[in-house]
Amino acid sequence: MSAFPHSLELVKPREIFIRGVTTEGRTFRPSDWAERLAGLMARFRPVGLCRKEAHLGYSPYCVPTLVDGVRCLVVSESLRDIEPMAFDFLLNFARDNQLDVVEACLTQAAAIDAEIDAEVEDLQTARETLQRVFQTA
């Protein structure tokens, strides 16, 4: 049972996007910076998800991703509650390297829309492949 009041459990924490673009508009290097930072944060996981092999996957609180062709690191505000120093480290990294930081909250609907779009693309690709097979037969 959580120590938070029931009403607070319903609030989804914000997410902070650290974008791999400097304030001068240049792409941040090295190109795998987001994966490296996410690897450092891999040990921070929700209770019950901690395991010996935690270093083999990313923490749900710090995930590298690509947004509009720009490498990003998505940091959940929940990390601040679990390990404030890790959260501050990531924000200080962004500030020291003059990276764009955007606060947002991803909705479950947006994630579902992305999955549906991917499935539609897969179906279209399969349909085109079948049409080519039948045309050559």
N, C-alpha and C. Protein backbone atom coordinates (compact mmCIF):
# COMPACT_ATOMS: atom_id res chain seq x y z
N MET A 1 0.84 -1.18 0.00
CA MET A 1 0.00 0.00 0.00
C MET A 1 0.89 1.24 0.00
N SER A 2 0.50 2.22 -0.73
CA SER A 2 1.29 3.44 -0.88
C SER A 2 1.08 4.38 0.30
N ALA A 3 2.12 5.17 0.59
CA ALA A 3 2.04 6.15 1.65
C ALA A 3 1.33 7.42 1.18
N PHE A 4 1.08 7.54 -0.11
CA PHE A 4 0.43 8.72 -0.66
C PHE A 4 -1.08 8.60 -0.54
N PRO A 5 -1.77 9.71 -0.39
CA PRO A 5 -3.24 9.67 -0.41
C PRO A 5 -3.72 9.12 -1.75
N HIS A 6 -4.87 8.49 -1.73
CA HIS A 6 -5.41 7.84 -2.93
C HIS A 6 -5.48 8.79 -4.12
N SER A 7 -5.85 10.04 -3.89
CA SER A 7 -6.01 10.98 -5.00
C SER A 7 -4.69 11.28 -5.69
N LEU A 8 -3.58 11.24 -4.94
CA LEU A 8 -2.28 11.52 -5.56
C LEU A 8 -1.79 10.37 -6.41
N GLU A 9 -2.24 9.16 -6.12
CA GLU A 9 -1.80 8.01 -6.90
C GLU A 9 -2.33 8.06 -8.32
N LEU A 10 -3.41 8.79 -8.55
CA LEU A 10 -4.02 8.86 -9.87
C LEU A 10 -3.31 9.84 -10.79
N VAL A 11 -2.46 10.68 -10.25
CA VAL A 11 -1.79 11.69 -11.04
C VAL A 11 -0.55 11.09 -11.69
N LYS A 12 -0.49 11.16 -13.00
CA LYS A 12 0.68 10.66 -13.71
C LYS A 12 1.79 11.70 -13.61
N PRO A 13 2.98 11.28 -13.22
CA PRO A 13 4.08 12.24 -13.10
C PRO A 13 4.47 12.80 -14.47
N ARG A 14 5.01 13.99 -14.42
CA ARG A 14 5.50 14.60 -15.66
C ARG A 14 6.74 13.87 -16.13
N GLU A 15 7.02 14.06 -17.38
CA GLU A 15 8.24 13.51 -17.97
C GLU A 15 9.05 14.67 -18.52
N ILE A 16 10.32 14.55 -18.38
CA ILE A 16 11.23 15.59 -18.86
C ILE A 16 12.00 15.02 -20.03
N PHE A 17 11.92 15.71 -21.15
CA PHE A 17 12.63 15.28 -22.35
C PHE A 17 13.90 16.10 -22.46
N ILE A 18 15.02 15.41 -22.39
CA ILE A 18 16.31 16.06 -22.62
C ILE A 18 16.65 15.77 -24.08
N ARG A 19 16.63 16.80 -24.88
CA ARG A 19 16.83 16.65 -26.33
C ARG A 19 18.30 16.79 -26.69
N GLY A 20 18.75 16.00 -27.62
CA GLY A 20 20.15 16.00 -28.05
C GLY A 20 20.47 17.12 -29.01
N VAL A 21 19.96 18.31 -28.72
CA VAL A 21 20.23 19.49 -29.53
C VAL A 21 20.63 20.60 -28.56
N THR A 22 21.75 21.25 -28.84
CA THR A 22 22.20 22.33 -27.97
C THR A 22 21.37 23.59 -28.22
N THR A 23 21.51 24.56 -27.33
CA THR A 23 20.77 25.81 -27.49
C THR A 23 21.23 26.55 -28.75
N GLU A 24 22.41 26.19 -29.26
CA GLU A 24 22.91 26.78 -30.51
C GLU A 24 22.39 26.04 -31.74
N GLY A 25 21.62 24.96 -31.51
CA GLY A 25 21.04 24.22 -32.63
C GLY A 25 21.89 23.09 -33.16
N ARG A 26 23.01 22.80 -32.52
CA ARG A 26 23.88 21.73 -32.99
C ARG A 26 23.50 20.39 -32.34
N THR A 27 23.72 19.31 -33.07
CA THR A 27 23.46 17.97 -32.56
C THR A 27 24.52 17.63 -31.52
N PHE A 28 24.06 17.13 -30.37
CA PHE A 28 24.98 16.79 -29.29
C PHE A 28 25.71 15.48 -29.61
N ARG A 29 26.97 15.44 -29.31
CA ARG A 29 27.81 14.26 -29.52
C ARG A 29 28.36 13.78 -28.20
N PRO A 30 28.62 12.51 -28.00
CA PRO A 30 28.54 11.42 -28.97
C PRO A 30 27.09 11.05 -29.26
N SER A 31 26.88 10.35 -30.36
CA SER A 31 25.52 10.06 -30.81
C SER A 31 24.78 9.11 -29.87
N ASP A 32 25.49 8.37 -29.04
CA ASP A 32 24.83 7.43 -28.12
C ASP A 32 24.76 7.98 -26.69
N TRP A 33 24.78 9.28 -26.53
CA TRP A 33 24.77 9.90 -25.20
C TRP A 33 23.56 9.48 -24.38
N ALA A 34 22.38 9.39 -25.02
CA ALA A 34 21.16 9.05 -24.29
C ALA A 34 21.20 7.61 -23.78
N GLU A 35 21.71 6.70 -24.59
CA GLU A 35 21.82 5.31 -24.17
C GLU A 35 22.82 5.17 -23.02
N ARG A 36 23.90 5.93 -23.07
CA ARG A 36 24.90 5.88 -21.99
C ARG A 36 24.31 6.35 -20.67
N LEU A 37 23.58 7.47 -20.71
CA LEU A 37 22.97 7.97 -19.47
C LEU A 37 21.88 7.02 -18.97
N ALA A 38 21.09 6.49 -19.87
CA ALA A 38 20.05 5.55 -19.46
C ALA A 38 20.67 4.30 -18.85
N GLY A 39 21.81 3.88 -19.37
CA GLY A 39 22.52 2.74 -18.80
C GLY A 39 22.97 3.01 -17.37
N LEU A 40 23.41 4.24 -17.12
CA LEU A 40 23.81 4.61 -15.76
C LEU A 40 22.63 4.55 -14.79
N MET A 41 21.44 4.87 -15.29
CA MET A 41 20.26 4.93 -14.43
C MET A 41 19.50 3.60 -14.38
N ALA A 42 20.02 2.56 -15.00
CA ALA A 42 19.30 1.28 -15.11
C ALA A 42 18.96 0.66 -13.76
N ARG A 43 19.71 0.93 -12.74
CA ARG A 43 19.46 0.30 -11.44
C ARG A 43 18.26 0.88 -10.71
N PHE A 44 17.78 2.04 -11.12
CA PHE A 44 16.66 2.67 -10.44
C PHE A 44 15.35 2.19 -11.06
N ARG A 45 14.65 1.34 -10.29
CA ARG A 45 13.43 0.71 -10.78
C ARG A 45 12.36 0.74 -9.70
N PRO A 46 11.11 0.58 -10.09
CA PRO A 46 10.04 0.49 -9.09
C PRO A 46 10.24 -0.73 -8.19
N VAL A 47 9.72 -0.64 -6.98
CA VAL A 47 9.80 -1.76 -6.06
C VAL A 47 9.16 -2.98 -6.71
N GLY A 48 9.80 -4.11 -6.61
CA GLY A 48 9.28 -5.33 -7.20
C GLY A 48 9.87 -5.63 -8.57
N LEU A 49 10.43 -4.62 -9.22
CA LEU A 49 11.05 -4.84 -10.53
C LEU A 49 12.57 -4.91 -10.43
N CYS A 50 13.10 -4.79 -9.23
CA CYS A 50 14.55 -4.86 -9.04
C CYS A 50 14.98 -6.32 -9.15
N ARG A 51 16.01 -6.55 -9.90
CA ARG A 51 16.54 -7.90 -10.04
C ARG A 51 18.03 -7.81 -10.35
N LYS A 52 18.68 -8.95 -10.28
CA LYS A 52 20.13 -8.96 -10.49
C LYS A 52 20.51 -8.46 -11.88
N GLU A 53 19.70 -8.76 -12.86
CA GLU A 53 20.02 -8.41 -14.25
C GLU A 53 19.54 -7.02 -14.64
N ALA A 54 19.29 -6.15 -13.68
CA ALA A 54 18.74 -4.81 -13.96
C ALA A 54 19.63 -4.02 -14.91
N HIS A 55 20.91 -4.28 -14.89
CA HIS A 55 21.83 -3.54 -15.76
C HIS A 55 21.67 -3.92 -17.23
N LEU A 56 20.90 -4.96 -17.52
CA LEU A 56 20.72 -5.39 -18.91
C LEU A 56 19.59 -4.67 -19.63
N GLY A 57 18.83 -3.87 -18.91
CA GLY A 57 17.73 -3.13 -19.52
C GLY A 57 17.65 -1.75 -18.91
N TYR A 58 16.87 -0.89 -19.54
CA TYR A 58 16.74 0.48 -19.05
C TYR A 58 15.70 0.56 -17.95
N SER A 59 15.89 1.52 -17.08
CA SER A 59 14.91 1.81 -16.04
C SER A 59 13.68 2.44 -16.69
N PRO A 60 12.49 2.16 -16.18
CA PRO A 60 11.31 2.83 -16.73
C PRO A 60 11.30 4.33 -16.42
N TYR A 61 12.17 4.77 -15.53
CA TYR A 61 12.24 6.18 -15.17
C TYR A 61 13.18 6.98 -16.07
N CYS A 62 13.95 6.31 -16.90
CA CYS A 62 14.94 7.00 -17.74
C CYS A 62 15.15 6.18 -19.01
N VAL A 63 14.53 6.62 -20.09
CA VAL A 63 14.51 5.82 -21.32
C VAL A 63 15.00 6.65 -22.51
N PRO A 64 15.96 6.12 -23.27
CA PRO A 64 16.38 6.82 -24.48
C PRO A 64 15.36 6.59 -25.59
N THR A 65 15.18 7.59 -26.42
CA THR A 65 14.24 7.46 -27.53
C THR A 65 14.62 8.43 -28.64
N LEU A 66 13.93 8.34 -29.75
CA LEU A 66 14.13 9.22 -30.88
C LEU A 66 12.82 9.96 -31.12
N VAL A 67 12.85 11.28 -31.10
CA VAL A 67 11.65 12.09 -31.34
C VAL A 67 11.93 13.02 -32.50
N ASP A 68 11.19 12.86 -33.58
CA ASP A 68 11.38 13.66 -34.78
C ASP A 68 12.83 13.68 -35.25
N GLY A 69 13.47 12.52 -35.19
CA GLY A 69 14.84 12.40 -35.65
C GLY A 69 15.89 12.93 -34.69
N VAL A 70 15.47 13.34 -33.50
CA VAL A 70 16.41 13.88 -32.50
C VAL A 70 16.52 12.90 -31.34
N ARG A 71 17.74 12.54 -31.00
CA ARG A 71 17.98 11.65 -29.87
C ARG A 71 17.55 12.36 -28.59
N CYS A 72 16.74 11.67 -27.76
CA CYS A 72 16.24 12.26 -26.52
C CYS A 72 16.37 11.26 -25.38
N LEU A 73 16.35 11.80 -24.17
CA LEU A 73 16.29 10.99 -22.97
C LEU A 73 15.04 11.41 -22.23
N VAL A 74 14.12 10.46 -22.01
CA VAL A 74 12.87 10.75 -21.32
C VAL A 74 13.07 10.36 -19.85
N VAL A 75 12.97 11.37 -18.98
CA VAL A 75 13.19 11.16 -17.55
C VAL A 75 11.87 11.39 -16.82
N SER A 76 11.43 10.39 -16.09
CA SER A 76 10.21 10.52 -15.31
C SER A 76 10.49 11.30 -14.04
N GLU A 77 9.57 12.17 -13.70
CA GLU A 77 9.71 12.95 -12.47
C GLU A 77 9.68 12.04 -11.24
N SER A 78 9.19 10.82 -11.38
CA SER A 78 9.18 9.85 -10.28
C SER A 78 10.60 9.51 -9.82
N LEU A 79 11.58 9.66 -10.70
CA LEU A 79 12.97 9.39 -10.32
C LEU A 79 13.40 10.30 -9.18
N ARG A 80 12.87 11.51 -9.15
CA ARG A 80 13.21 12.46 -8.08
C ARG A 80 12.84 11.89 -6.71
N ASP A 81 11.71 11.19 -6.61
CA ASP A 81 11.28 10.60 -5.34
C ASP A 81 12.15 9.41 -4.95
N ILE A 82 12.60 8.66 -5.93
CA ILE A 82 13.38 7.45 -5.66
C ILE A 82 14.84 7.80 -5.35
N GLU A 83 15.43 8.64 -6.18
CA GLU A 83 16.83 9.03 -5.99
C GLU A 83 17.04 10.46 -6.49
N PRO A 84 16.88 11.43 -5.60
CA PRO A 84 16.99 12.84 -5.99
C PRO A 84 18.34 13.19 -6.61
N MET A 85 19.41 12.56 -6.15
CA MET A 85 20.73 12.88 -6.70
C MET A 85 20.85 12.45 -8.16
N ALA A 86 20.26 11.31 -8.51
CA ALA A 86 20.28 10.84 -9.89
C ALA A 86 19.48 11.79 -10.78
N PHE A 87 18.32 12.20 -10.29
CA PHE A 87 17.47 13.14 -11.03
C PHE A 87 18.22 14.46 -11.26
N ASP A 88 18.84 14.98 -10.20
CA ASP A 88 19.60 16.23 -10.32
C ASP A 88 20.79 16.07 -11.26
N PHE A 89 21.43 14.90 -11.22
CA PHE A 89 22.56 14.65 -12.11
C PHE A 89 22.15 14.79 -13.58
N LEU A 90 21.00 14.21 -13.92
CA LEU A 90 20.53 14.27 -15.31
C LEU A 90 20.21 15.70 -15.74
N LEU A 91 19.52 16.44 -14.87
CA LEU A 91 19.19 17.83 -15.21
C LEU A 91 20.44 18.71 -15.27
N ASN A 92 21.39 18.47 -14.38
CA ASN A 92 22.65 19.23 -14.42
C ASN A 92 23.46 18.88 -15.67
N PHE A 93 23.41 17.62 -16.09
CA PHE A 93 24.07 17.21 -17.33
C PHE A 93 23.51 18.01 -18.51
N ALA A 94 22.18 18.10 -18.55
CA ALA A 94 21.53 18.85 -19.64
C ALA A 94 21.92 20.32 -19.58
N ARG A 95 21.91 20.90 -18.39
CA ARG A 95 22.25 22.32 -18.24
C ARG A 95 23.72 22.56 -18.61
N ASP A 96 24.63 21.73 -18.10
CA ASP A 96 26.06 21.91 -18.36
C ASP A 96 26.41 21.80 -19.85
N ASN A 97 25.65 20.95 -20.55
CA ASN A 97 25.91 20.75 -21.99
C ASN A 97 24.99 21.58 -22.86
N GLN A 98 24.23 22.47 -22.25
CA GLN A 98 23.32 23.39 -22.94
C GLN A 98 22.35 22.66 -23.87
N LEU A 99 21.76 21.57 -23.34
CA LEU A 99 20.79 20.79 -24.11
C LEU A 99 19.38 21.32 -23.86
N ASP A 100 18.54 21.20 -24.86
CA ASP A 100 17.13 21.59 -24.72
C ASP A 100 16.45 20.65 -23.73
N VAL A 101 15.66 21.21 -22.83
CA VAL A 101 14.88 20.42 -21.88
C VAL A 101 13.43 20.83 -22.03
N VAL A 102 12.57 19.84 -22.23
CA VAL A 102 11.15 20.09 -22.42
C VAL A 102 10.38 19.23 -21.42
N GLU A 103 9.47 19.85 -20.69
CA GLU A 103 8.62 19.11 -19.76
C GLU A 103 7.33 18.73 -20.48
N ALA A 104 6.89 17.50 -20.26
CA ALA A 104 5.67 17.02 -20.90
C ALA A 104 5.11 15.88 -20.09
N CYS A 105 4.00 15.38 -20.53
CA CYS A 105 3.40 14.21 -19.91
C CYS A 105 2.82 13.37 -21.04
N LEU A 106 3.44 12.25 -21.31
CA LEU A 106 2.94 11.38 -22.36
C LEU A 106 1.65 10.72 -21.89
N THR A 107 0.69 10.68 -22.74
CA THR A 107 -0.57 10.03 -22.38
C THR A 107 -0.59 8.62 -22.93
N GLN A 108 -1.37 7.80 -22.31
CA GLN A 108 -1.50 6.43 -22.76
C GLN A 108 -2.14 6.40 -24.15
N ALA A 109 -3.01 7.35 -24.42
CA ALA A 109 -3.67 7.40 -25.73
C ALA A 109 -2.65 7.63 -26.83
N ALA A 110 -1.65 8.49 -26.59
CA ALA A 110 -0.62 8.74 -27.59
C ALA A 110 0.18 7.47 -27.86
N ALA A 111 0.48 6.71 -26.82
CA ALA A 111 1.22 5.47 -26.99
C ALA A 111 0.40 4.46 -27.78
N ILE A 112 -0.89 4.39 -27.50
CA ILE A 112 -1.77 3.47 -28.23
C ILE A 112 -1.86 3.88 -29.69
N ASP A 113 -1.99 5.19 -29.97
CA ASP A 113 -2.03 5.68 -31.35
C ASP A 113 -0.76 5.29 -32.10
N ALA A 114 0.39 5.40 -31.45
CA ALA A 114 1.66 5.04 -32.09
C ALA A 114 1.69 3.55 -32.42
N GLU A 115 1.18 2.71 -31.51
CA GLU A 115 1.13 1.27 -31.76
C GLU A 115 0.22 0.96 -32.93
N ILE A 116 -0.93 1.61 -32.99
CA ILE A 116 -1.88 1.37 -34.08
C ILE A 116 -1.25 1.79 -35.41
N ASP A 117 -0.59 2.94 -35.43
CA ASP A 117 0.07 3.40 -36.66
C ASP A 117 1.11 2.39 -37.13
N ALA A 118 1.88 1.83 -36.20
CA ALA A 118 2.91 0.84 -36.55
C ALA A 118 2.25 -0.43 -37.12
N GLU A 119 1.14 -0.85 -36.51
CA GLU A 119 0.45 -2.04 -37.00
C GLU A 119 -0.13 -1.80 -38.39
N VAL A 120 -0.67 -0.63 -38.64
CA VAL A 120 -1.22 -0.31 -39.95
C VAL A 120 -0.11 -0.35 -41.01
N GLU A 121 1.05 0.21 -40.66
CA GLU A 121 2.18 0.17 -41.60
C GLU A 121 2.58 -1.27 -41.90
N ASP A 122 2.62 -2.12 -40.85
CA ASP A 122 2.98 -3.52 -41.04
C ASP A 122 1.97 -4.21 -41.95
N LEU A 123 0.68 -3.92 -41.76
CA LEU A 123 -0.35 -4.52 -42.60
C LEU A 123 -0.23 -4.06 -44.05
N GLN A 124 0.06 -2.79 -44.26
CA GLN A 124 0.22 -2.27 -45.61
C GLN A 124 1.43 -2.92 -46.29
N THR A 125 2.51 -3.09 -45.55
CA THR A 125 3.70 -3.73 -46.11
C THR A 125 3.39 -5.18 -46.48
N ALA A 126 2.68 -5.89 -45.62
CA ALA A 126 2.32 -7.28 -45.90
C ALA A 126 1.41 -7.37 -47.13
N ARG A 127 0.45 -6.44 -47.23
CA ARG A 127 -0.45 -6.43 -48.38
C ARG A 127 0.33 -6.20 -49.68
N GLU A 128 1.26 -5.25 -49.66
CA GLU A 128 2.06 -4.97 -50.85
C GLU A 128 2.92 -6.17 -51.23
N THR A 129 3.46 -6.86 -50.24
CA THR A 129 4.28 -8.04 -50.50
C THR A 129 3.44 -9.14 -51.13
N LEU A 130 2.24 -9.36 -50.59
CA LEU A 130 1.36 -10.38 -51.16
C LEU A 130 0.95 -10.04 -52.59
N GLN A 131 0.69 -8.77 -52.85
CA GLN A 131 0.33 -8.36 -54.21
C GLN A 131 1.47 -8.65 -55.18
N ARG A 132 2.71 -8.38 -54.75
CA ARG A 132 3.87 -8.64 -55.62
C ARG A 132 4.01 -10.14 -55.87
N VAL A 133 3.77 -10.96 -54.84
CA VAL A 133 3.89 -12.42 -54.97
C VAL A 133 2.86 -12.93 -55.97
N PHE A 134 1.61 -12.45 -55.84
CA PHE A 134 0.56 -12.92 -56.73
C PHE A 134 0.77 -12.42 -58.16
N GLN A 135 1.38 -11.27 -58.33
CA GLN A 135 1.63 -10.73 -59.67
C GLN A 135 2.70 -11.54 -60.38
N THR A 136 3.69 -12.05 -59.65
CA THR A 136 4.77 -12.80 -60.28
C THR A 136 4.39 -14.26 -60.50
N ALA A 137 3.32 -14.72 -59.83
CA ALA A 137 2.92 -16.14 -59.96
C ALA A 137 2.10 -16.39 -61.20
